[in-house]
Amino acid sequence: MTALSTASDDVGRLTRWADDFPEPGVKFADLTPVFADAKAFRDVIDAMVEAERSLRSEHRAGDGADLVAGIDARGFLLGAGVALALDAGVLAVRKAGKLPPPVLTREYQLEYGTASLEIPADGIELAGRRVLVIDDVLATGGTLGAAVELLGAAGAEVIGIAVVLEIEALDGRSRLAGHPVTSLLRV
């Protein structure tokens, strides 16, 4: 059994679904039980590392990620684990107002409103860096799309995107055209 199929089984078994959260009509995928289970968490990290290595061997001829960007907040947990396994740096892509200026900012649409993401505009040289973007859930693609735009504006090359869970009915993958996306579980 591959790391991807093992992680997919874990995510399907442990994800807790909450109807009408954070607002009516939204079905929230709570991955907290997945991350709280040591084996499942390790399986998820291993599968995301496998996804990056697959990109490296199949599409990028050895050019793997030298930076992993984890999106606020659950992406931080995942990004740190994946970065350590890849011997790469880690970048926290933050919600607006959490970093001191100067910052680069992108506003985006959520299923239930708007939000903004930020990365440092200085202090970290991002130009020319090969980045794997990590998040917990791909829904409409707004958050991941904003992160990809931010990294591109800073001169980084996004080599791929990896998420734990993809909600296919919301078609977020279509907003990420041109970037390989790995989902551990698609529902």
Protein backbone atom coordinates (compact mmCIF):
# COMPACT_ATOMS: atom_id res chain seq x y z
CA MET A 1 0.00 0.00 0.00
CA THR A 2 1.39 3.44 -0.93
CA ALA A 3 1.71 6.35 1.49
CA LEU A 4 -1.04 8.12 -0.48
CA SER A 5 -3.56 5.28 -0.15
CA THR A 6 -2.75 4.77 3.55
CA ALA A 7 -3.19 8.50 4.24
CA SER A 8 -6.40 8.58 2.19
CA ASP A 9 -7.84 5.78 4.33
CA ASP A 10 -6.85 7.61 7.53
CA VAL A 11 -8.38 10.91 6.37
CA GLY A 12 -11.62 9.24 5.29
CA ARG A 13 -11.93 7.41 8.59
CA LEU A 14 -11.01 10.24 10.97
CA THR A 15 -12.34 13.47 9.41
CA ARG A 16 -15.17 15.01 11.42
CA TRP A 17 -17.83 16.82 9.37
CA ALA A 18 -19.73 19.81 10.79
CA ASP A 19 -22.86 21.02 9.01
CA ASP A 20 -23.67 24.75 8.92
CA PHE A 21 -20.25 25.85 10.15
CA PRO A 22 -18.93 28.54 10.12
CA GLU A 23 -22.24 29.68 8.61
CA PRO A 24 -25.48 28.08 7.42
CA GLY A 25 -25.06 26.06 4.24
CA VAL A 26 -21.34 25.39 4.69
CA LYS A 27 -20.18 21.85 5.51
CA PHE A 28 -16.86 22.08 7.36
CA ALA A 29 -14.24 19.33 7.21
CA ASP A 30 -12.52 19.21 10.61
CA LEU A 31 -9.17 17.45 10.26
CA THR A 32 -8.27 17.87 13.94
CA PRO A 33 -8.89 14.16 14.66
CA VAL A 34 -6.55 13.22 11.78
CA PHE A 35 -3.75 15.40 13.15
CA ALA A 36 -4.32 14.21 16.74
CA ASP A 37 -3.77 10.58 15.71
CA ALA A 38 0.02 10.04 15.62
CA LYS A 39 -0.05 7.33 12.93
CA ALA A 40 -2.52 9.20 10.72
CA PHE A 41 -0.54 12.43 11.03
CA ARG A 42 2.68 10.61 10.07
CA ASP A 43 0.86 8.97 7.14
CA VAL A 44 -0.37 12.37 5.90
CA ILE A 45 3.13 13.89 6.10
CA ASP A 46 4.63 10.85 4.34
CA ALA A 47 2.03 11.07 1.55
CA MET A 48 2.73 14.78 1.00
CA VAL A 49 6.47 14.08 0.85
CA GLU A 50 5.75 11.29 -1.65
CA ALA A 51 3.74 13.78 -3.74
CA GLU A 52 6.69 16.20 -3.86
CA ARG A 53 9.11 13.43 -4.77
CA SER A 54 6.75 12.30 -7.52
CA LEU A 55 6.75 15.83 -8.93
CA ARG A 56 10.53 15.87 -8.78
CA SER A 57 10.99 12.58 -10.59
CA GLU A 58 8.19 12.85 -13.15
CA HIS A 59 7.87 16.51 -14.01
CA ARG A 60 10.81 18.56 -12.81
CA ALA A 61 13.85 16.41 -13.55
CA GLY A 62 15.29 16.61 -10.05
CA ASP A 63 14.19 20.15 -9.17
CA GLY A 64 12.45 19.55 -5.88
CA ALA A 65 11.11 22.07 -3.41
CA ASP A 66 13.64 24.08 -1.45
CA LEU A 67 10.81 25.79 0.46
CA VAL A 68 7.45 24.55 1.72
CA ALA A 69 4.72 27.18 2.16
CA GLY A 70 2.10 26.22 4.74
CA ILE A 71 -1.13 28.22 4.73
CA ASP A 72 -2.57 29.64 7.97
CA ALA A 73 -3.27 27.79 10.16
CA ARG A 74 -3.48 24.01 9.68
CA GLY A 75 -1.08 24.28 6.76
CA PHE A 76 1.58 25.37 9.28
CA LEU A 77 1.41 21.96 10.97
CA LEU A 78 1.65 20.11 7.69
CA GLY A 79 4.21 22.42 6.10
CA ALA A 80 6.66 22.10 8.98
CA GLY A 81 6.54 18.29 8.89
CA VAL A 82 6.91 18.12 5.12
CA ALA A 83 9.74 20.69 5.10
CA LEU A 84 11.71 18.72 7.69
CA ALA A 85 11.31 15.49 5.70
CA LEU A 86 12.43 17.23 2.49
CA ASP A 87 15.31 19.08 4.14
CA ALA A 88 13.67 22.32 2.94
CA GLY A 89 12.82 25.62 4.58
CA VAL A 90 9.29 26.46 5.66
CA LEU A 91 7.30 29.65 5.08
CA ALA A 92 4.13 30.51 6.98
CA VAL A 93 1.58 32.15 4.66
CA ARG A 94 -0.35 34.23 7.19
CA LYS A 95 -3.81 35.73 7.51
CA ALA A 96 -3.86 39.52 7.21
CA GLY A 97 -2.54 41.54 10.13
CA LYS A 98 -0.29 38.82 11.61
CA LEU A 99 3.03 39.96 10.12
CA PRO A 100 4.89 43.24 10.60
CA PRO A 101 5.21 45.43 7.48
CA PRO A 102 6.26 45.41 4.78
CA VAL A 103 4.15 42.56 3.43
CA LEU A 104 2.73 41.37 0.15
CA THR A 105 -1.04 40.87 0.36
CA ARG A 106 -3.71 39.12 -1.71
CA GLU A 107 -7.44 39.29 -1.05
CA TYR A 108 -9.57 36.33 -2.10
CA GLN A 109 -13.12 34.97 -1.96
CA LEU A 110 -14.17 32.25 0.44
CA GLU A 111 -17.34 30.19 0.25
CA TYR A 112 -18.68 32.57 2.91
CA GLY A 113 -16.95 35.97 2.43
CA THR A 114 -13.55 37.46 1.70
CA ALA A 115 -10.17 37.23 3.40
CA SER A 116 -6.53 38.18 2.79
CA LEU A 117 -3.22 36.35 2.97
CA GLU A 118 0.21 37.87 3.51
CA ILE A 119 3.88 36.97 3.23
CA PRO A 120 6.92 39.05 4.18
CA ALA A 121 7.97 41.53 1.49
CA ASP A 122 11.55 41.47 2.78
CA GLY A 123 13.75 39.45 5.10
CA ILE A 124 13.28 36.24 3.08
CA GLU A 125 14.59 36.00 -0.46
CA LEU A 126 11.82 34.26 -2.39
CA ALA A 127 12.93 35.07 -5.95
CA GLY A 128 13.95 31.87 -7.71
CA ARG A 129 12.86 29.59 -4.85
CA ARG A 130 11.03 26.37 -5.75
CA VAL A 131 8.00 26.14 -3.49
CA LEU A 132 5.57 23.36 -2.60
CA VAL A 133 2.34 24.89 -1.26
CA ILE A 134 0.58 22.91 1.49
CA ASP A 135 -2.91 23.30 2.96
CA ASP A 136 -5.48 21.16 4.69
CA VAL A 137 -8.56 21.54 2.44
CA LEU A 138 -9.09 22.55 -1.19
CA ALA A 139 -12.63 23.90 -1.47
CA THR A 140 -13.23 26.82 -3.88
CA GLY A 141 -9.51 27.36 -4.50
CA GLY A 142 -9.54 30.95 -3.31
CA THR A 143 -7.05 30.52 -0.48
CA LEU A 144 -4.62 28.40 -2.47
CA GLY A 145 -4.97 30.67 -5.50
CA ALA A 146 -4.11 33.71 -3.39
CA ALA A 147 -1.07 31.92 -1.93
CA VAL A 148 0.16 30.96 -5.40
CA GLU A 149 -0.30 34.57 -6.60
CA LEU A 150 1.60 35.92 -3.58
CA LEU A 151 4.51 33.58 -4.10
CA GLY A 152 4.61 34.39 -7.81
CA ALA A 153 4.60 38.13 -7.06
CA ALA A 154 7.65 37.54 -4.85
CA GLY A 155 9.43 35.74 -7.71
CA ALA A 156 9.06 32.19 -6.43
CA GLU A 157 8.20 29.21 -8.62
CA VAL A 158 5.32 27.10 -7.30
CA ILE A 159 6.23 23.55 -8.31
CA GLY A 160 3.08 21.96 -6.88
CA ILE A 161 0.26 22.03 -4.37
CA ALA A 162 -0.62 19.31 -1.86
CA VAL A 163 -3.76 19.18 0.27
CA VAL A 164 -5.19 16.64 2.67
CA LEU A 165 -8.80 16.83 1.49
CA GLU A 166 -10.41 18.15 -1.71
CA ILE A 167 -14.13 18.89 -1.92
CA GLU A 168 -14.67 18.22 -5.62
CA ALA A 169 -18.16 19.74 -5.87
CA LEU A 170 -16.69 23.21 -5.21
CA ASP A 171 -14.33 22.88 -8.22
CA GLY A 172 -11.37 24.64 -6.56
CA ARG A 173 -8.91 22.70 -8.71
CA SER A 174 -10.01 24.70 -11.76
CA ARG A 175 -8.72 27.92 -10.13
CA LEU A 176 -5.27 26.37 -9.84
CA ALA A 177 -4.79 25.54 -13.52
CA GLY A 178 -1.16 25.19 -14.50
CA HIS A 179 -0.12 23.84 -11.10
CA PRO A 180 -0.03 20.14 -10.27
CA VAL A 181 -2.37 19.42 -7.33
CA THR A 182 -2.19 16.35 -5.12
CA SER A 183 -5.14 15.60 -2.85
CA LEU A 184 -4.83 12.79 -0.33
CA LEU A 185 -8.62 12.30 -0.38
CA ARG A 186 -11.20 13.68 -2.80
CA VAL A 187 -14.82 13.77 -1.67
